[in-house]
Structure formats: C-alpha cells, structure tokens
C-alpha cells in the first residue's frame, strides 16, 4: 500500500542525516485526577518548523502511530482524546495530521485507583516535511494524587471534533470487500470538505473517500478491504465518519442503515 512504500522511501532518503532529536522533542504531561477517578495526562510533541506527524487515521499517504504500553504497572486502560487534525497535501497526496506540534490527551484508568500508575510507553510514528522519517519515542511517568489542571491539555481537549448524529450508511459487497456510502446531514463547513472513514478493525484498509454535497446533505463513498480479500460483516455502530474543512472537524460515531 502507499503508506508502506512511502515509509521505505523515507528510510532510503539521504536527508536522514538529520537526527530524530533535530526534528522532534517529546514529553509526557502528568495532568490531573478527574472527578471519576481517572487521570488526564497527555503526550506533547514539538516538531521542527513545517514538519508534521499523523492522526490516528492518517490517510493513504500517512503513517499511523503505534503505541506500546508494555512495562506499565497498575494500568487498566487508556483512551486517547485526539484533537481536530488538518488535511495536509504532500507530493500531490492528502494526509491527515498535525503541523509543528501535538498535545494528545490520554485518559488513564488504574487497576487499583488507590495506588499510583506507572506508565511506560514506546511510540512509533512518522514525521514528514519534504521527506519523511520514522521516529521512535519513549515516555515514562508515575501518576498519583490530584495533580493540577494544565492549560496545554485543556486547550487540546477544547479542540476535539464536534460530535454530530444522524449518519446513515448503505453497504454493498465488492469483489474484495465492501463499498460504504454515507449520507450526512451537515451544513457546509467550507470548501474542500474531506471525509475520513474508520472501522473498529485496524486490519481493514480504507480507501480515500469520494465526496459530494447537495445542500445540507454530504454524501461520501469509500471502499473497505479486509485481509481476506472478500466481502465481510461490518458493524455499522462502530463506524466513525469525520468531516474536515477550514480548520473544523465534525465526527459521527456510528451510522444507521438507510
């Protein structure tokens, strides 16, 4: 697929004479304890000017981030709260991500809320400018006590996509998977609206969507290809559809049958 070819090209680029430390600086913001007992922390990435990294669904030209929490203790679960990304053009292809910086809030749930949580995170990601390079980051922190509100995390949480309801999805089999056509009741966000589809199966390849608008209805179609290379069962309630335009993001979680 395109993203793997791009990654291999990045590895071969002579521009990799620049080190990872020249391009990205990273840290973990310890954050605060929430009213429900969970802890709101965040990853902070600061990139060199005009460099970018990718959203959870990076587009066909992007490289998805990978997180490994092995080595953490008293950790039950984590939930990422992704700020609204932007559409970035590179070499005639679209990718979805963040320019210059990213604060990514993480809601941490302890196995035993009376004890500290020790976080040990290894993160693999792609970072790109005119060329791309893989980066490997490690983070460690102990979360305990109430902590204090952090304005950087609060700003990222305030920039989450707006939630909307009322999406419908028509599904039809194709030779190697499914064709998914969504109808979204949404006022125009601006020119060049980009629609991104996600399923609950990371093994499913999602094609770039084709989108058209008629008044207050945005229609978008994509193809989904599973590793089996055949039609498969899709859980409509787990489909996420995100619309991006003019610095805005609107998210539909789940889509009903038409």
C-alpha atoms as a PDB file:
ATOM      1  CA  UNK A   1       0.000   0.000   0.000  1.00  0.00           C
ATOM      2  CA  UNK A   2       1.051   3.621  -0.473  1.00  0.00           C
ATOM      3  CA  UNK A   3       1.924   4.270   3.171  1.00  0.00           C
ATOM      4  CA  UNK A   4       4.381   1.337   3.298  1.00  0.00           C
ATOM      5  CA  UNK A   5       6.041   2.362   0.054  1.00  0.00           C
ATOM      6  CA  UNK A   6       6.374   5.863   1.467  1.00  0.00           C
ATOM      7  CA  UNK A   7       7.922   4.532   4.655  1.00  0.00           C
ATOM      8  CA  UNK A   8      10.515   2.570   2.690  1.00  0.00           C
ATOM      9  CA  UNK A   9      11.313   5.658   0.631  1.00  0.00           C
ATOM     10  CA  UNK A  10      11.823   7.608   3.830  1.00  0.00           C
ATOM     11  CA  UNK A  11      14.330   5.083   5.130  1.00  0.00           C
ATOM     12  CA  UNK A  12      16.407   5.449   1.980  1.00  0.00           C
ATOM     13  CA  UNK A  13      16.456   9.257   1.931  1.00  0.00           C
ATOM     14  CA  UNK A  14      19.846  10.989   2.335  1.00  0.00           C
ATOM     15  CA  UNK A  15      18.047  13.683   4.344  1.00  0.00           C
ATOM     16  CA  UNK A  16      18.060  11.238   7.235  1.00  0.00           C
ATOM     17  CA  UNK A  17      21.422  12.776   8.085  1.00  0.00           C
ATOM     18  CA  UNK A  18      19.167  14.878  10.296  1.00  0.00           C
ATOM     19  CA  UNK A  19      18.685  13.033  13.557  1.00  0.00           C
ATOM     20  CA  UNK A  20      15.363  12.386  15.210  1.00  0.00           C
ATOM     21  CA  UNK A  21      16.358  14.748  18.023  1.00  0.00           C
ATOM     22  CA  UNK A  22      16.788  17.552  15.474  1.00  0.00           C
ATOM     23  CA  UNK A  23      13.179  17.136  14.357  1.00  0.00           C
ATOM     24  CA  UNK A  24      11.029  16.158  17.342  1.00  0.00           C
ATOM     25  CA  UNK A  25      11.135  16.855  21.069  1.00  0.00           C
ATOM     26  CA  UNK A  26       8.664  14.994  23.259  1.00  0.00           C
ATOM     27  CA  UNK A  27       7.460  14.757  26.821  1.00  0.00           C
ATOM     28  CA  UNK A  28       4.619  13.451  28.956  1.00  0.00           C
ATOM     29  CA  UNK A  29       2.419  15.981  30.764  1.00  0.00           C
ATOM     30  CA  UNK A  30       1.311  14.447  34.076  1.00  0.00           C
ATOM     31  CA  UNK A  31      -2.003  16.321  34.212  1.00  0.00           C
ATOM     32  CA  UNK A  32      -4.628  15.826  36.908  1.00  0.00           C
ATOM     33  CA  UNK A  33      -7.061  13.387  38.505  1.00  0.00           C
ATOM     34  CA  UNK A  34     -10.602  13.661  37.142  1.00  0.00           C
ATOM     35  CA  UNK A  35     -13.838  13.589  39.125  1.00  0.00           C
ATOM     36  CA  UNK A  36     -14.457   9.974  38.010  1.00  0.00           C
ATOM     37  CA  UNK A  37     -11.092   8.870  39.443  1.00  0.00           C
ATOM     38  CA  UNK A  38      -9.404   8.591  36.056  1.00  0.00           C
ATOM     39  CA  UNK A  39      -6.255  10.595  35.318  1.00  0.00           C
ATOM     40  CA  UNK A  40      -5.968  13.026  32.403  1.00  0.00           C
ATOM     41  CA  UNK A  41      -2.395  13.152  31.116  1.00  0.00           C
ATOM     42  CA  UNK A  42      -1.033  13.977  27.638  1.00  0.00           C
ATOM     43  CA  UNK A  43       1.804  13.418  25.210  1.00  0.00           C
ATOM     44  CA  UNK A  44       3.422  16.606  23.955  1.00  0.00           C
ATOM     45  CA  UNK A  45       5.297  16.576  20.627  1.00  0.00           C
ATOM     46  CA  UNK A  46       7.150  19.653  19.403  1.00  0.00           C
ATOM     47  CA  UNK A  47       8.315  19.403  15.786  1.00  0.00           C
ATOM     48  CA  UNK A  48      10.798  21.437  13.789  1.00  0.00           C
ATOM     49  CA  UNK A  49       9.155  24.231  11.740  1.00  0.00           C
ATOM     50  CA  UNK A  50       6.826  22.938   8.991  1.00  0.00           C
ATOM     51  CA  UNK A  51       7.266  19.288   9.998  1.00  0.00           C
ATOM     52  CA  UNK A  52       4.174  17.185  10.592  1.00  0.00           C
ATOM     53  CA  UNK A  53       3.052  13.965  12.209  1.00  0.00           C
ATOM     54  CA  UNK A  54      -0.090  11.934  11.720  1.00  0.00           C
ATOM     55  CA  UNK A  55      -3.579  11.458  13.127  1.00  0.00           C
ATOM     56  CA  UNK A  56      -4.954   8.059  14.176  1.00  0.00           C
ATOM     57  CA  UNK A  57      -6.369   7.691  10.614  1.00  0.00           C
ATOM     58  CA  UNK A  58      -3.549   9.264   8.589  1.00  0.00           C
ATOM     59  CA  UNK A  59      -4.922   8.929   5.061  1.00  0.00           C
ATOM     60  CA  UNK A  60      -3.484   6.812   2.275  1.00  0.00           C
ATOM     61  CA  UNK A  61      -0.233   8.804   2.225  1.00  0.00           C
ATOM     62  CA  UNK A  62       0.252   8.765   6.016  1.00  0.00           C
ATOM     63  CA  UNK A  63       1.892   6.532   8.587  1.00  0.00           C
ATOM     64  CA  UNK A  64      -0.319   5.619  11.579  1.00  0.00           C
ATOM     65  CA  UNK A  65       1.188   5.960  15.060  1.00  0.00           C
ATOM     66  CA  UNK A  66       1.686   2.782  17.107  1.00  0.00           C
ATOM     67  CA  UNK A  67       1.618   2.713  20.920  1.00  0.00           C
ATOM     68  CA  UNK A  68       3.082   0.019  23.198  1.00  0.00           C
ATOM     69  CA  UNK A  69       2.324   0.194  26.931  1.00  0.00           C
ATOM     70  CA  UNK A  70       4.355  -2.894  27.866  1.00  0.00           C
ATOM     71  CA  UNK A  71       6.152  -2.288  31.155  1.00  0.00           C
ATOM     72  CA  UNK A  72       3.418  -0.107  32.674  1.00  0.00           C
ATOM     73  CA  UNK A  73       2.020  -1.170  36.043  1.00  0.00           C
ATOM     74  CA  UNK A  74      -1.385  -0.737  37.682  1.00  0.00           C
ATOM     75  CA  UNK A  75      -2.694   0.284  34.254  1.00  0.00           C
ATOM     76  CA  UNK A  76      -6.191  -0.941  33.314  1.00  0.00           C
ATOM     77  CA  UNK A  77      -6.809   1.066  30.139  1.00  0.00           C
ATOM     78  CA  UNK A  78      -6.054   4.256  28.228  1.00  0.00           C
ATOM     79  CA  UNK A  79      -8.281   6.353  25.997  1.00  0.00           C
ATOM     80  CA  UNK A  80      -6.843   8.863  23.536  1.00  0.00           C
ATOM     81  CA  UNK A  81      -8.668  12.160  23.008  1.00  0.00           C
ATOM     82  CA  UNK A  82      -7.441  13.251  19.576  1.00  0.00           C
ATOM     83  CA  UNK A  83      -7.591  16.997  18.838  1.00  0.00           C
ATOM     84  CA  UNK A  84      -9.016  18.023  15.467  1.00  0.00           C
ATOM     85  CA  UNK A  85      -6.415  17.314  12.758  1.00  0.00           C
ATOM     86  CA  UNK A  86      -5.970  19.044   9.437  1.00  0.00           C
ATOM     87  CA  UNK A  87      -5.688  17.900   5.832  1.00  0.00           C
ATOM     88  CA  UNK A  88      -2.117  18.311   4.571  1.00  0.00           C
ATOM     89  CA  UNK A  89      -1.077  17.999   0.915  1.00  0.00           C
ATOM     90  CA  UNK A  90       2.307  16.450   0.151  1.00  0.00           C
ATOM     91  CA  UNK A  91       3.537  15.496  -3.340  1.00  0.00           C
ATOM     92  CA  UNK A  92       0.008  15.524  -4.719  1.00  0.00           C
ATOM     93  CA  UNK A  93      -1.389  13.260  -1.971  1.00  0.00           C
ATOM     94  CA  UNK A  94      -3.535  14.058   1.065  1.00  0.00           C
ATOM     95  CA  UNK A  95      -2.645  13.064   4.588  1.00  0.00           C
ATOM     96  CA  UNK A  96      -4.335  13.821   7.908  1.00  0.00           C
ATOM     97  CA  UNK A  97      -2.265  15.111  10.801  1.00  0.00           C
ATOM     98  CA  UNK A  98      -0.696  17.962  12.731  1.00  0.00           C
ATOM     99  CA  UNK A  99       1.859  20.621  11.800  1.00  0.00           C
ATOM    100  CA  UNK A 100       4.588  21.780  14.193  1.00  0.00           C
ATOM    101  CA  UNK A 101       3.112  20.406  17.429  1.00  0.00           C
ATOM    102  CA  UNK A 102       0.670  17.999  19.000  1.00  0.00           C
ATOM    103  CA  UNK A 103      -0.670  17.719  22.532  1.00  0.00           C
ATOM    104  CA  UNK A 104      -2.519  14.389  22.703  1.00  0.00           C
ATOM    105  CA  UNK A 105      -4.620  13.970  25.879  1.00  0.00           C
ATOM    106  CA  UNK A 106      -4.687  10.464  27.361  1.00  0.00           C
ATOM    107  CA  UNK A 107      -7.299   9.358  29.887  1.00  0.00           C
ATOM    108  CA  UNK A 108      -5.621   6.792  32.138  1.00  0.00           C
ATOM    109  CA  UNK A 109      -7.618   4.255  34.171  1.00  0.00           C
ATOM    110  CA  UNK A 110      -5.893   2.456  37.065  1.00  0.00           C
ATOM    111  CA  UNK A 111      -6.412  -1.166  38.012  1.00  0.00           C
ATOM    112  CA  UNK A 112      -6.369  -0.056  41.653  1.00  0.00           C
ATOM    113  CA  UNK A 113      -7.371   3.623  41.997  1.00  0.00           C
ATOM    114  CA  UNK A 114      -5.771   3.806  45.454  1.00  0.00           C
ATOM    115  CA  UNK A 115      -2.289   3.142  44.040  1.00  0.00           C
ATOM    116  CA  UNK A 116      -0.075   5.152  41.629  1.00  0.00           C
ATOM    117  CA  UNK A 117       0.019   4.238  37.934  1.00  0.00           C
ATOM    118  CA  UNK A 118       3.469   3.765  36.422  1.00  0.00           C
ATOM    119  CA  UNK A 119       3.415   4.495  32.692  1.00  0.00           C
ATOM    120  CA  UNK A 120       5.989   3.095  30.286  1.00  0.00           C
ATOM    121  CA  UNK A 121       5.166   3.938  26.673  1.00  0.00           C
ATOM    122  CA  UNK A 122       7.023   3.263  23.433  1.00  0.00           C
ATOM    123  CA  UNK A 123       5.619   5.141  20.430  1.00  0.00           C
ATOM    124  CA  UNK A 124       6.470   4.660  16.756  1.00  0.00           C
ATOM    125  CA  UNK A 125       5.369   7.401  14.391  1.00  0.00           C
ATOM    126  CA  UNK A 126       6.108   9.038  11.089  1.00  0.00           C
ATOM    127  CA  UNK A 127       7.336  12.635  10.849  1.00  0.00           C
ATOM    128  CA  UNK A 128       7.464  14.396   7.497  1.00  0.00           C
ATOM    129  CA  UNK A 129       8.469  17.581   5.693  1.00  0.00           C
ATOM    130  CA  UNK A 130       9.774  17.342   2.109  1.00  0.00           C
ATOM    131  CA  UNK A 131      10.900  13.881   3.151  1.00  0.00           C
ATOM    132  CA  UNK A 132       9.652  11.522   5.857  1.00  0.00           C
ATOM    133  CA  UNK A 133      11.439   9.602   8.566  1.00  0.00           C
ATOM    134  CA  UNK A 134      10.332   7.071  11.180  1.00  0.00           C
ATOM    135  CA  UNK A 135      10.663   8.112  14.821  1.00  0.00           C
ATOM    136  CA  UNK A 136      10.741   6.036  17.993  1.00  0.00           C
ATOM    137  CA  UNK A 137       9.893   7.788  21.265  1.00  0.00           C
ATOM    138  CA  UNK A 138       9.766   6.529  24.844  1.00  0.00           C
ATOM    139  CA  UNK A 139       7.907   8.050  27.768  1.00  0.00           C
ATOM    140  CA  UNK A 140       7.833   7.254  31.492  1.00  0.00           C
ATOM    141  CA  UNK A 141       5.872   8.783  34.334  1.00  0.00           C
ATOM    142  CA  UNK A 142       4.245   7.985  37.662  1.00  0.00           C
ATOM    143  CA  UNK A 143       0.706   9.330  38.042  1.00  0.00           C
ATOM    144  CA  UNK A 144      -0.556   9.789  41.565  1.00  0.00           C
ATOM    145  CA  UNK A 145      -2.534  12.263  43.619  1.00  0.00           C
ATOM    146  CA  UNK A 146      -4.716  15.071  42.393  1.00  0.00           C
ATOM    147  CA  UNK A 147      -2.244  16.931  40.202  1.00  0.00           C
ATOM    148  CA  UNK A 148      -3.173  20.272  38.682  1.00  0.00           C
ATOM    149  CA  UNK A 149      -5.054  21.432  35.604  1.00  0.00           C
ATOM    150  CA  UNK A 150      -2.682  22.013  32.677  1.00  0.00           C
ATOM    151  CA  UNK A 151      -3.664  24.717  30.176  1.00  0.00           C
ATOM    152  CA  UNK A 152      -1.968  22.829  27.316  1.00  0.00           C
ATOM    153  CA  UNK A 153      -4.070  19.713  27.923  1.00  0.00           C
ATOM    154  CA  UNK A 154      -7.215  21.798  28.448  1.00  0.00           C
ATOM    155  CA  UNK A 155      -6.661  23.566  25.103  1.00  0.00           C
ATOM    156  CA  UNK A 156      -6.257  20.217  23.311  1.00  0.00           C
ATOM    157  CA  UNK A 157      -9.465  18.887  24.901  1.00  0.00           C
ATOM    158  CA  UNK A 158     -11.293  22.023  23.802  1.00  0.00           C
ATOM    159  CA  UNK A 159     -10.176  21.274  20.216  1.00  0.00           C
ATOM    160  CA  UNK A 160     -11.807  17.846  19.945  1.00  0.00           C
ATOM    161  CA  UNK A 161     -14.058  17.324  16.903  1.00  0.00           C
ATOM    162  CA  UNK A 162     -17.673  18.339  17.463  1.00  0.00           C
ATOM    163  CA  UNK A 163     -19.990  15.336  17.750  1.00  0.00           C
ATOM    164  CA  UNK A 164     -22.960  15.010  15.420  1.00  0.00           C
ATOM    165  CA  UNK A 165     -25.679  12.390  14.888  1.00  0.00           C
ATOM    166  CA  UNK A 166     -27.878  11.227  12.056  1.00  0.00           C
ATOM    167  CA  UNK A 167     -25.438   9.493   9.683  1.00  0.00           C
ATOM    168  CA  UNK A 168     -26.781   6.664   7.524  1.00  0.00           C
ATOM    169  CA  UNK A 169     -24.624   4.158   5.661  1.00  0.00           C
ATOM    170  CA  UNK A 170     -25.529   1.963   2.706  1.00  0.00           C
ATOM    171  CA  UNK A 171     -23.322  -1.122   2.324  1.00  0.00           C
ATOM    172  CA  UNK A 172     -22.777  -3.172  -0.836  1.00  0.00           C
ATOM    173  CA  UNK A 173     -20.363  -6.067  -1.473  1.00  0.00           C
ATOM    174  CA  UNK A 174     -17.499  -5.647  -3.944  1.00  0.00           C
ATOM    175  CA  UNK A 175     -15.031  -8.269  -5.149  1.00  0.00           C
ATOM    176  CA  UNK A 176     -12.513  -7.737  -2.352  1.00  0.00           C
ATOM    177  CA  UNK A 177     -14.605  -6.190   0.425  1.00  0.00           C
ATOM    178  CA  UNK A 178     -17.387  -3.637   0.856  1.00  0.00           C
ATOM    179  CA  UNK A 179     -18.436  -0.315  -0.608  1.00  0.00           C
ATOM    180  CA  UNK A 180     -19.710   2.071   2.062  1.00  0.00           C
ATOM    181  CA  UNK A 181     -21.788   5.126   1.139  1.00  0.00           C
ATOM    182  CA  UNK A 182     -22.577   7.571   3.939  1.00  0.00           C
ATOM    183  CA  UNK A 183     -25.215  10.280   3.941  1.00  0.00           C
ATOM    184  CA  UNK A 184     -24.540  13.013   6.481  1.00  0.00           C
ATOM    185  CA  UNK A 185     -26.935  15.754   7.482  1.00  0.00           C
ATOM    186  CA  UNK A 186     -24.459  18.580   7.984  1.00  0.00           C
ATOM    187  CA  UNK A 187     -24.397  22.263   6.996  1.00  0.00           C
ATOM    188  CA  UNK A 188     -21.396  23.163   4.818  1.00  0.00           C
ATOM    189  CA  UNK A 189     -18.170  23.606   6.795  1.00  0.00           C
ATOM    190  CA  UNK A 190     -16.453  25.357   3.913  1.00  0.00           C
ATOM    191  CA  UNK A 191     -14.852  24.475   0.581  1.00  0.00           C
ATOM    192  CA  UNK A 192     -12.866  21.266   0.125  1.00  0.00           C
ATOM    193  CA  UNK A 193     -14.645  19.150   2.718  1.00  0.00           C
ATOM    194  CA  UNK A 194     -12.695  15.943   3.373  1.00  0.00           C
ATOM    195  CA  UNK A 195     -14.407  12.857   4.789  1.00  0.00           C
ATOM    196  CA  UNK A 196     -12.462  10.165   6.665  1.00  0.00           C
ATOM    197  CA  UNK A 197     -13.943   6.753   7.476  1.00  0.00           C
ATOM    198  CA  UNK A 198     -12.770   4.440  10.261  1.00  0.00           C
ATOM    199  CA  UNK A 199     -13.871   0.954  11.300  1.00  0.00           C
ATOM    200  CA  UNK A 200     -13.197  -0.915  14.548  1.00  0.00           C
ATOM    201  CA  UNK A 201     -10.808  -3.302  12.763  1.00  0.00           C
ATOM    202  CA  UNK A 202      -7.315  -1.894  12.116  1.00  0.00           C
ATOM    203  CA  UNK A 203      -6.721  -4.710   9.604  1.00  0.00           C
ATOM    204  CA  UNK A 204      -9.340  -3.252   7.253  1.00  0.00           C
ATOM    205  CA  UNK A 205      -7.866  -0.993   4.565  1.00  0.00           C
ATOM    206  CA  UNK A 206      -9.960   2.147   3.944  1.00  0.00           C
ATOM    207  CA  UNK A 207      -9.700   3.908   0.570  1.00  0.00           C
ATOM    208  CA  UNK A 208      -9.710   7.677   0.163  1.00  0.00           C
ATOM    209  CA  UNK A 209     -13.345   8.803   0.112  1.00  0.00           C
ATOM    210  CA  UNK A 210     -15.135  10.466  -2.809  1.00  0.00           C
ATOM    211  CA  UNK A 211     -17.424  13.209  -1.546  1.00  0.00           C
ATOM    212  CA  UNK A 212     -20.183  15.409  -2.962  1.00  0.00           C
ATOM    213  CA  UNK A 213     -22.638  17.849  -1.417  1.00  0.00           C
ATOM    214  CA  UNK A 214     -26.244  18.703  -2.190  1.00  0.00           C
ATOM    215  CA  UNK A 215     -27.411  21.486   0.109  1.00  0.00           C
ATOM    216  CA  UNK A 216     -27.392  20.251   3.690  1.00  0.00           C
ATOM    217  CA  UNK A 217     -26.554  16.657   2.778  1.00  0.00           C
ATOM    218  CA  UNK A 218     -22.958  15.498   2.383  1.00  0.00           C
ATOM    219  CA  UNK A 219     -22.568  12.155   0.596  1.00  0.00           C
ATOM    220  CA  UNK A 220     -19.312  10.228   0.709  1.00  0.00           C
ATOM    221  CA  UNK A 221     -18.260   6.814  -0.600  1.00  0.00           C
ATOM    222  CA  UNK A 222     -15.283   4.621   0.247  1.00  0.00           C
ATOM    223  CA  UNK A 223     -14.137   1.040  -0.295  1.00  0.00           C
ATOM    224  CA  UNK A 224     -13.204  -1.241   2.611  1.00  0.00           C
ATOM    225  CA  UNK A 225     -10.860  -4.174   2.009  1.00  0.00           C
ATOM    226  CA  UNK A 226     -10.283  -6.842   4.662  1.00  0.00           C
ATOM    227  CA  UNK A 227      -7.222  -9.150   4.774  1.00  0.00           C
ATOM    228  CA  UNK A 228      -9.461 -11.945   3.461  1.00  0.00           C
ATOM    229  CA  UNK A 229      -9.897 -10.049   0.187  1.00  0.00           C
ATOM    230  CA  UNK A 230     -13.618 -10.849   0.264  1.00  0.00           C
ATOM    231  CA  UNK A 231     -16.867  -9.263   1.495  1.00  0.00           C
ATOM    232  CA  UNK A 232     -17.200  -9.282   5.281  1.00  0.00           C
ATOM    233  CA  UNK A 233     -19.578  -8.318   8.084  1.00  0.00           C
ATOM    234  CA  UNK A 234     -19.374  -4.663   9.138  1.00  0.00           C
ATOM    235  CA  UNK A 235     -20.588  -3.324  12.481  1.00  0.00           C
ATOM    236  CA  UNK A 236     -22.268  -0.056  11.499  1.00  0.00           C
ATOM    237  CA  UNK A 237     -22.392   1.105  15.132  1.00  0.00           C
ATOM    238  CA  UNK A 238     -18.564   1.094  15.270  1.00  0.00           C
ATOM    239  CA  UNK A 239     -18.026   3.138  12.090  1.00  0.00           C
ATOM    240  CA  UNK A 240     -16.628   6.639  12.681  1.00  0.00           C
ATOM    241  CA  UNK A 241     -17.064   9.291   9.983  1.00  0.00           C
ATOM    242  CA  UNK A 242     -15.133  12.556  10.379  1.00  0.00           C
ATOM    243  CA  UNK A 243     -15.600  15.639   8.201  1.00  0.00           C
ATOM    244  CA  UNK A 244     -12.708  18.125   7.991  1.00  0.00           C
ATOM    245  CA  UNK A 245     -12.713  21.618   6.440  1.00  0.00           C
ATOM    246  CA  UNK A 246     -11.486  25.134   7.190  1.00  0.00           C
ATOM    247  CA  UNK A 247      -9.883  24.141  10.486  1.00  0.00           C
ATOM    248  CA  UNK A 248     -13.107  22.497  11.666  1.00  0.00           C
ATOM    249  CA  UNK A 249     -13.856  18.847  12.427  1.00  0.00           C
ATOM    250  CA  UNK A 250     -17.216  17.108  12.942  1.00  0.00           C
ATOM    251  CA  UNK A 251     -17.436  13.463  13.969  1.00  0.00           C
ATOM    252  CA  UNK A 252     -20.283  10.967  13.530  1.00  0.00           C
ATOM    253  CA  UNK A 253     -19.963   7.854  15.701  1.00  0.00           C
ATOM    254  CA  UNK A 254     -21.967   5.029  14.232  1.00  0.00           C
ATOM    255  CA  UNK A 255     -24.190   5.120  11.178  1.00  0.00           C
ATOM    256  CA  UNK A 256     -27.638   3.580  10.804  1.00  0.00           C
ATOM    257  CA  UNK A 257     -28.989   1.612   7.865  1.00  0.00           C
ATOM    258  CA  UNK A 258     -30.742   3.927   5.375  1.00  0.00           C
END
